Amino acid sequence: MKHWELEHNGNHIRIEWNESATFNLQTPIGGEWVDYHCFTCYGIETEQEALECAYDVLNELEPEEY
């Protein structure tokens, strides 16, 4: 598993990637990372491509979704 922690639209989030096609977007609640959105993206070959795919999904979500 790969993880990236970042700020997006003023929210602290974590992207979890299984190094294949599955992603979880997570938010911290009570000291734990909790999934709030899951998605798949096929054809990823590098960590950079994975991060770009996750950013695309983040930018498509409405702020109230996270």
C-alpha atoms as a PDB file:
ATOM      1  CA  MET A   1       0.000   0.000   0.000  1.00  0.00           C
ATOM      2  CA  LYS A   2       1.098   3.519  -0.779  1.00  0.00           C
ATOM      3  CA  HIS A   3      -0.181   6.550   1.094  1.00  0.00           C
ATOM      4  CA  TRP A   4      -0.059  10.256   0.461  1.00  0.00           C
ATOM      5  CA  GLU A   5      -1.215  12.853   2.992  1.00  0.00           C
ATOM      6  CA  LEU A   6      -2.159  16.277   1.700  1.00  0.00           C
ATOM      7  CA  GLU A   7      -4.314  19.348   2.117  1.00  0.00           C
ATOM      8  CA  HIS A   8      -7.086  19.741  -0.440  1.00  0.00           C
ATOM      9  CA  ASN A   9      -9.543  22.651  -0.315  1.00  0.00           C
ATOM     10  CA  GLY A  10      -8.585  23.214   3.322  1.00  0.00           C
ATOM     11  CA  ASN A  11      -9.130  19.581   4.345  1.00  0.00           C
ATOM     12  CA  HIS A  12      -6.429  17.186   5.548  1.00  0.00           C
ATOM     13  CA  ILE A  13      -6.858  13.938   3.622  1.00  0.00           C
ATOM     14  CA  ARG A  14      -4.972  10.756   2.853  1.00  0.00           C
ATOM     15  CA  ILE A  15      -4.932   8.860  -0.419  1.00  0.00           C
ATOM     16  CA  GLU A  16      -4.425   5.118  -0.057  1.00  0.00           C
ATOM     17  CA  TRP A  17      -3.512   3.139  -3.175  1.00  0.00           C
ATOM     18  CA  ASN A  18      -3.132  -0.644  -3.333  1.00  0.00           C
ATOM     19  CA  GLU A  19      -0.454  -0.276  -6.057  1.00  0.00           C
ATOM     20  CA  SER A  20      -2.824  -1.764  -8.609  1.00  0.00           C
ATOM     21  CA  ALA A  21      -6.159  -0.083  -9.390  1.00  0.00           C
ATOM     22  CA  THR A  22      -7.984   0.580  -6.103  1.00  0.00           C
ATOM     23  CA  PHE A  23      -7.918   3.842  -4.177  1.00  0.00           C
ATOM     24  CA  ASN A  24      -9.430   4.984  -0.884  1.00  0.00           C
ATOM     25  CA  LEU A  25      -9.752   8.628   0.051  1.00  0.00           C
ATOM     26  CA  GLN A  26      -9.580   9.004   3.806  1.00  0.00           C
ATOM     27  CA  THR A  27     -10.208  11.656   6.434  1.00  0.00           C
ATOM     28  CA  PRO A  28      -8.961  11.690  10.039  1.00  0.00           C
ATOM     29  CA  ILE A  29     -11.694  11.012  12.608  1.00  0.00           C
ATOM     30  CA  GLY A  30     -10.865  10.375  16.242  1.00  0.00           C
ATOM     31  CA  GLY A  31      -7.201   9.773  15.495  1.00  0.00           C
ATOM     32  CA  GLU A  32      -7.949   7.137  12.826  1.00  0.00           C
ATOM     33  CA  TRP A  33      -8.027   7.362   9.036  1.00  0.00           C
ATOM     34  CA  VAL A  34     -11.555   6.626   7.823  1.00  0.00           C
ATOM     35  CA  ASP A  35     -12.496   5.891   4.197  1.00  0.00           C
ATOM     36  CA  TYR A  36     -15.023   8.280   2.697  1.00  0.00           C
ATOM     37  CA  HIS A  37     -14.639   7.519  -1.017  1.00  0.00           C
ATOM     38  CA  CYS A  38     -13.369   4.473  -2.925  1.00  0.00           C
ATOM     39  CA  PHE A  39     -12.661   4.256  -6.655  1.00  0.00           C
ATOM     40  CA  THR A  40     -10.694   2.304  -9.236  1.00  0.00           C
ATOM     41  CA  CYS A  41      -8.442   3.518 -12.004  1.00  0.00           C
ATOM     42  CA  TYR A  42      -6.994   0.944 -14.397  1.00  0.00           C
ATOM     43  CA  GLY A  43      -3.794   1.086 -16.426  1.00  0.00           C
ATOM     44  CA  ILE A  44      -1.626   2.810 -13.825  1.00  0.00           C
ATOM     45  CA  GLU A  45       2.052   2.021 -14.163  1.00  0.00           C
ATOM     46  CA  THR A  46       3.779   4.532 -11.881  1.00  0.00           C
ATOM     47  CA  GLU A  47       3.248   6.268  -8.545  1.00  0.00           C
ATOM     48  CA  GLN A  48       3.052   9.588 -10.397  1.00  0.00           C
ATOM     49  CA  GLU A  49       0.184   8.301 -12.556  1.00  0.00           C
ATOM     50  CA  ALA A  50      -1.584   7.048  -9.433  1.00  0.00           C
ATOM     51  CA  LEU A  51      -1.293  10.405  -7.707  1.00  0.00           C
ATOM     52  CA  GLU A  52      -2.505  12.245 -10.821  1.00  0.00           C
ATOM     53  CA  CYS A  53      -5.524   9.927 -11.073  1.00  0.00           C
ATOM     54  CA  ALA A  54      -6.352  10.521  -7.396  1.00  0.00           C
ATOM     55  CA  TYR A  55      -6.074  14.307  -7.829  1.00  0.00           C
ATOM     56  CA  ASP A  56      -8.438  14.144 -10.795  1.00  0.00           C
ATOM     57  CA  VAL A  57     -11.020  12.328  -8.673  1.00  0.00           C
ATOM     58  CA  LEU A  58     -10.512  14.738  -5.762  1.00  0.00           C
ATOM     59  CA  ASN A  59     -11.103  17.691  -8.048  1.00  0.00           C
ATOM     60  CA  GLU A  60     -14.339  16.127  -9.329  1.00  0.00           C
ATOM     61  CA  LEU A  61     -15.791  15.593  -5.835  1.00  0.00           C
ATOM     62  CA  GLU A  62     -17.955  18.249  -4.288  1.00  0.00           C
ATOM     63  CA  PRO A  63     -16.422  19.720  -1.088  1.00  0.00           C
ATOM     64  CA  GLU A  64     -19.305  18.407   1.052  1.00  0.00           C
ATOM     65  CA  GLU A  65     -18.365  14.852   0.023  1.00  0.00           C
ATOM     66  CA  TYR A  66     -15.270  14.965   2.243  1.00  0.00           C
END
